[in-house]
Amino acid sequence: MRHLLLALHILFAIFAIGPLVGVASTAARGIRAGDAAAVTASARTVRIYGYLSLLVALLGLGLVQPKWHAKFSYPWVWISLVLYLAALALTLAVLEPSLRRAAGRLTGTVGGEAAVGHAAGGEAGRATAVGGVIALLFAVIVFLMVYQPH
C-alpha cells in the first residue's frame, strides 16, 4: 500500500504541482504582453491546479505513518505541510485573484483604458513575485521530502 500511495503522491506532484509552478512563474508574461486571453487562461489554470494540489497533500498525509518511518513529529513532515499551506494560500488568495484583476483590466471591464497600463505594471510585478515565492516554497518542500532531516 505504501508504494501505491507514494507513486500516486509523486505522480500528482509532477502533474499537478509542476504545471502550477510553471504557470505561476510565467503568468506575468501575458500581463506584460497585454494578452487578456492568456492571463484569463493562466488564472483558470492556477486555480484548477491549486485545488488539484490538495490531492498531493492528502496522499502525502496518507504516507505519514510510524510503520513507514514518518511521523507528524518529524520536522520535515510538519515544515513541509506548513510550507505547502503557505504556497496554497499564496496561489489561491493572492496569485489567482491578481491574475483575474489583471485580465479584467486588460479587457477593459475593470477601470477602463487607463487601468491597462497599471495592470501591466502592478499586477505583473505581483504575479512575478508571488510566482517566484510559490516556486521556491515547492522547491524547499521537495528538498525536505528527499532529504528528510530529523
C-alpha atoms as a PDB file:
ATOM      1  CA  MET A   1       0.000   0.000   0.000  1.00  0.00           C
ATOM      2  CA  ARG A   2       2.872   2.374   0.807  1.00  0.00           C
ATOM      3  CA  HIS A   3       4.324   2.025  -2.677  1.00  0.00           C
ATOM      4  CA  LEU A   4       0.967   2.757  -4.292  1.00  0.00           C
ATOM      5  CA  LEU A   5       0.439   5.865  -2.139  1.00  0.00           C
ATOM      6  CA  LEU A   6       3.984   7.024  -2.789  1.00  0.00           C
ATOM      7  CA  ALA A   7       3.660   6.502  -6.542  1.00  0.00           C
ATOM      8  CA  LEU A   8       0.363   8.424  -6.628  1.00  0.00           C
ATOM      9  CA  HIS A   9       1.820  11.167  -4.440  1.00  0.00           C
ATOM     10  CA  ILE A  10       4.768  11.595  -6.825  1.00  0.00           C
ATOM     11  CA  LEU A  11       2.603  11.392  -9.966  1.00  0.00           C
ATOM     12  CA  PHE A  12       0.183  14.022  -8.683  1.00  0.00           C
ATOM     13  CA  ALA A  13       3.119  16.188  -7.608  1.00  0.00           C
ATOM     14  CA  ILE A  14       4.515  16.033 -11.128  1.00  0.00           C
ATOM     15  CA  PHE A  15       1.232  16.508 -12.970  1.00  0.00           C
ATOM     16  CA  ALA A  16      -0.470  18.975 -10.610  1.00  0.00           C
ATOM     17  CA  ILE A  17       2.244  20.973  -8.878  1.00  0.00           C
ATOM     18  CA  GLY A  18       4.557  21.020 -11.903  1.00  0.00           C
ATOM     19  CA  PRO A  19       2.083  22.888 -14.131  1.00  0.00           C
ATOM     20  CA  LEU A  20       1.023  25.076 -11.204  1.00  0.00           C
ATOM     21  CA  VAL A  21       4.597  26.235 -10.620  1.00  0.00           C
ATOM     22  CA  GLY A  22       5.158  26.671 -14.352  1.00  0.00           C
ATOM     23  CA  VAL A  23       2.100  28.855 -14.836  1.00  0.00           C
ATOM     24  CA  ALA A  24       2.712  30.753 -11.598  1.00  0.00           C
ATOM     25  CA  SER A  25       6.232  31.542 -12.758  1.00  0.00           C
ATOM     26  CA  THR A  26       5.272  32.689 -16.270  1.00  0.00           C
ATOM     27  CA  ALA A  27       1.798  34.248 -15.873  1.00  0.00           C
ATOM     28  CA  ALA A  28       3.192  37.776 -15.783  1.00  0.00           C
ATOM     29  CA  ARG A  29       4.296  37.442 -19.424  1.00  0.00           C
ATOM     30  CA  GLY A  30       0.682  37.567 -20.558  1.00  0.00           C
ATOM     31  CA  ILE A  31       0.052  40.684 -18.483  1.00  0.00           C
ATOM     32  CA  ARG A  32       3.114  42.448 -19.880  1.00  0.00           C
ATOM     33  CA  ALA A  33       2.103  41.440 -23.408  1.00  0.00           C
ATOM     34  CA  GLY A  34      -1.412  42.774 -22.842  1.00  0.00           C
ATOM     35  CA  ASP A  35      -2.894  39.374 -23.733  1.00  0.00           C
ATOM     36  CA  ALA A  36      -6.119  39.200 -21.730  1.00  0.00           C
ATOM     37  CA  ALA A  37      -6.969  35.722 -23.026  1.00  0.00           C
ATOM     38  CA  ALA A  38      -3.607  34.341 -21.865  1.00  0.00           C
ATOM     39  CA  VAL A  39      -3.985  35.980 -18.451  1.00  0.00           C
ATOM     40  CA  THR A  40      -7.514  34.597 -18.079  1.00  0.00           C
ATOM     41  CA  ALA A  41      -6.244  31.130 -19.011  1.00  0.00           C
ATOM     42  CA  SER A  42      -3.378  31.496 -16.526  1.00  0.00           C
ATOM     43  CA  ALA A  43      -5.794  32.444 -13.739  1.00  0.00           C
ATOM     44  CA  ARG A  44      -8.002  29.446 -14.523  1.00  0.00           C
ATOM     45  CA  THR A  45      -5.005  27.104 -14.694  1.00  0.00           C
ATOM     46  CA  VAL A  46      -3.611  28.404 -11.396  1.00  0.00           C
ATOM     47  CA  ARG A  47      -7.000  27.884  -9.714  1.00  0.00           C
ATOM     48  CA  ILE A  48      -7.534  24.359 -11.106  1.00  0.00           C
ATOM     49  CA  TYR A  49      -4.025  23.110 -10.349  1.00  0.00           C
ATOM     50  CA  GLY A  50      -4.066  24.825  -6.975  1.00  0.00           C
ATOM     51  CA  TYR A  51      -7.072  22.761  -5.980  1.00  0.00           C
ATOM     52  CA  LEU A  52      -5.618  19.622  -7.585  1.00  0.00           C
ATOM     53  CA  SER A  53      -2.514  20.062  -5.458  1.00  0.00           C
ATOM     54  CA  LEU A  54      -4.694  19.205  -2.470  1.00  0.00           C
ATOM     55  CA  LEU A  55      -4.582  15.601  -3.708  1.00  0.00           C
ATOM     56  CA  VAL A  56      -0.781  15.680  -3.436  1.00  0.00           C
ATOM     57  CA  ALA A  57      -1.035  16.842   0.158  1.00  0.00           C
ATOM     58  CA  LEU A  58      -3.720  14.291   1.047  1.00  0.00           C
ATOM     59  CA  LEU A  59      -1.711  11.440  -0.458  1.00  0.00           C
ATOM     60  CA  GLY A  60       1.356  12.710   1.371  1.00  0.00           C
ATOM     61  CA  LEU A  61      -0.568  12.754   4.637  1.00  0.00           C
ATOM     62  CA  GLY A  62      -1.516   9.134   3.964  1.00  0.00           C
ATOM     63  CA  LEU A  63       2.187   8.310   3.887  1.00  0.00           C
ATOM     64  CA  VAL A  64       2.810   9.777   7.341  1.00  0.00           C
ATOM     65  CA  GLN A  65       2.657   6.639   9.439  1.00  0.00           C
ATOM     66  CA  PRO A  66       5.152   5.381  12.001  1.00  0.00           C
ATOM     67  CA  LYS A  67       5.294   1.955  10.356  1.00  0.00           C
ATOM     68  CA  TRP A  68       6.641   3.729   7.242  1.00  0.00           C
ATOM     69  CA  HIS A  69       9.147   5.757   9.257  1.00  0.00           C
ATOM     70  CA  ALA A  70       7.292   9.054   9.048  1.00  0.00           C
ATOM     71  CA  LYS A  71       5.602  10.813  11.952  1.00  0.00           C
ATOM     72  CA  PHE A  72       3.960  14.207  12.283  1.00  0.00           C
ATOM     73  CA  SER A  73       6.511  14.975  14.986  1.00  0.00           C
ATOM     74  CA  TYR A  74       9.348  14.835  12.433  1.00  0.00           C
ATOM     75  CA  PRO A  75      10.335  18.398  11.487  1.00  0.00           C
ATOM     76  CA  TRP A  76      10.467  17.669   7.749  1.00  0.00           C
ATOM     77  CA  VAL A  77       6.850  16.483   7.815  1.00  0.00           C
ATOM     78  CA  TRP A  78       5.257  19.413   9.596  1.00  0.00           C
ATOM     79  CA  ILE A  79       7.513  22.026   7.994  1.00  0.00           C
ATOM     80  CA  SER A  80       6.575  20.639   4.566  1.00  0.00           C
ATOM     81  CA  LEU A  81       2.910  20.824   5.478  1.00  0.00           C
ATOM     82  CA  VAL A  82       3.208  24.423   6.692  1.00  0.00           C
ATOM     83  CA  LEU A  83       5.119  25.418   3.550  1.00  0.00           C
ATOM     84  CA  TYR A  84       2.514  23.697   1.375  1.00  0.00           C
ATOM     85  CA  LEU A  85      -0.303  25.570   3.112  1.00  0.00           C
ATOM     86  CA  ALA A  86       1.593  28.839   2.583  1.00  0.00           C
ATOM     87  CA  ALA A  87       2.081  28.031  -1.122  1.00  0.00           C
ATOM     88  CA  LEU A  88      -1.591  27.103  -1.494  1.00  0.00           C
ATOM     89  CA  ALA A  89      -2.704  30.302   0.252  1.00  0.00           C
ATOM     90  CA  LEU A  90      -0.473  32.413  -1.996  1.00  0.00           C
ATOM     91  CA  THR A  91      -1.781  30.565  -5.039  1.00  0.00           C
ATOM     92  CA  LEU A  92      -5.490  30.838  -4.308  1.00  0.00           C
ATOM     93  CA  ALA A  93      -5.680  34.017  -2.222  1.00  0.00           C
ATOM     94  CA  VAL A  94      -3.070  36.215  -3.927  1.00  0.00           C
ATOM     95  CA  LEU A  95      -1.958  34.995  -7.361  1.00  0.00           C
ATOM     96  CA  GLU A  96      -5.248  33.806  -8.842  1.00  0.00           C
ATOM     97  CA  PRO A  97      -7.230  36.936  -7.815  1.00  0.00           C
ATOM     98  CA  SER A  98      -4.389  39.130  -9.043  1.00  0.00           C
ATOM     99  CA  LEU A  99      -4.458  37.412 -12.431  1.00  0.00           C
ATOM    100  CA  ARG A 100      -8.242  37.764 -12.619  1.00  0.00           C
ATOM    101  CA  ARG A 101      -7.967  41.505 -11.853  1.00  0.00           C
ATOM    102  CA  ALA A 102      -5.261  41.925 -14.481  1.00  0.00           C
ATOM    103  CA  ALA A 103      -7.383  40.105 -17.069  1.00  0.00           C
ATOM    104  CA  GLY A 104     -10.330  42.343 -16.199  1.00  0.00           C
ATOM    105  CA  ARG A 105      -8.203  45.452 -16.594  1.00  0.00           C
ATOM    106  CA  LEU A 106      -6.778  44.219 -19.893  1.00  0.00           C
ATOM    107  CA  THR A 107     -10.245  43.586 -21.297  1.00  0.00           C
ATOM    108  CA  GLY A 108     -11.393  46.993 -20.043  1.00  0.00           C
ATOM    109  CA  THR A 109     -14.030  45.531 -17.728  1.00  0.00           C
ATOM    110  CA  VAL A 110     -12.211  46.888 -14.658  1.00  0.00           C
ATOM    111  CA  GLY A 111     -11.140  50.519 -14.542  1.00  0.00           C
ATOM    112  CA  GLY A 112     -11.196  51.412 -18.228  1.00  0.00           C
ATOM    113  CA  GLU A 113      -8.356  52.313 -20.578  1.00  0.00           C
ATOM    114  CA  ALA A 114      -6.094  53.993 -18.012  1.00  0.00           C
ATOM    115  CA  ALA A 115      -6.058  50.840 -15.899  1.00  0.00           C
ATOM    116  CA  VAL A 116      -4.384  48.784 -18.641  1.00  0.00           C
ATOM    117  CA  GLY A 117      -1.008  50.426 -18.004  1.00  0.00           C
ATOM    118  CA  HIS A 118      -1.415  49.913 -14.279  1.00  0.00           C
ATOM    119  CA  ALA A 119      -2.283  46.228 -14.819  1.00  0.00           C
ATOM    120  CA  ALA A 120       0.843  45.765 -16.883  1.00  0.00           C
ATOM    121  CA  GLY A 121       2.933  47.232 -14.076  1.00  0.00           C
ATOM    122  CA  GLY A 122       1.480  46.428 -10.680  1.00  0.00           C
ATOM    123  CA  GLU A 123      -0.238  43.121 -11.372  1.00  0.00           C
ATOM    124  CA  ALA A 124       2.653  41.812 -13.470  1.00  0.00           C
ATOM    125  CA  GLY A 125       5.084  42.618 -10.685  1.00  0.00           C
ATOM    126  CA  ARG A 126       2.862  40.977  -8.091  1.00  0.00           C
ATOM    127  CA  ALA A 127       2.387  37.882 -10.270  1.00  0.00           C
ATOM    128  CA  THR A 128       6.131  37.589 -10.841  1.00  0.00           C
ATOM    129  CA  ALA A 129       6.976  37.963  -7.162  1.00  0.00           C
ATOM    130  CA  VAL A 130       4.291  35.611  -5.899  1.00  0.00           C
ATOM    131  CA  GLY A 131       5.032  33.067  -8.630  1.00  0.00           C
ATOM    132  CA  GLY A 132       8.684  33.069  -7.599  1.00  0.00           C
ATOM    133  CA  VAL A 133       7.829  32.597  -3.932  1.00  0.00           C
ATOM    134  CA  ILE A 134       5.464  29.726  -4.777  1.00  0.00           C
ATOM    135  CA  ALA A 135       8.187  28.040  -6.842  1.00  0.00           C
ATOM    136  CA  LEU A 136      10.689  28.498  -4.019  1.00  0.00           C
ATOM    137  CA  LEU A 137       8.288  27.044  -1.439  1.00  0.00           C
ATOM    138  CA  PHE A 138       7.685  23.949  -3.539  1.00  0.00           C
ATOM    139  CA  ALA A 139      11.438  23.570  -4.157  1.00  0.00           C
ATOM    140  CA  VAL A 140      12.063  23.615  -0.398  1.00  0.00           C
ATOM    141  CA  ILE A 141       9.285  21.053   0.084  1.00  0.00           C
ATOM    142  CA  VAL A 142      10.898  18.736  -2.474  1.00  0.00           C
ATOM    143  CA  PHE A 143      14.239  19.115  -0.689  1.00  0.00           C
ATOM    144  CA  LEU A 144      12.625  18.237   2.654  1.00  0.00           C
ATOM    145  CA  MET A 145      10.815  15.239   1.157  1.00  0.00           C
ATOM    146  CA  VAL A 146      14.001  13.838  -0.361  1.00  0.00           C
ATOM    147  CA  TYR A 147      16.470  14.689   2.412  1.00  0.00           C
ATOM    148  CA  GLN A 148      14.078  14.117   5.361  1.00  0.00           C
ATOM    149  CA  PRO A 149      16.158  15.849   8.053  1.00  0.00           C
ATOM    150  CA  HIS A 150      15.226  14.759  11.577  1.00  0.00           C
END
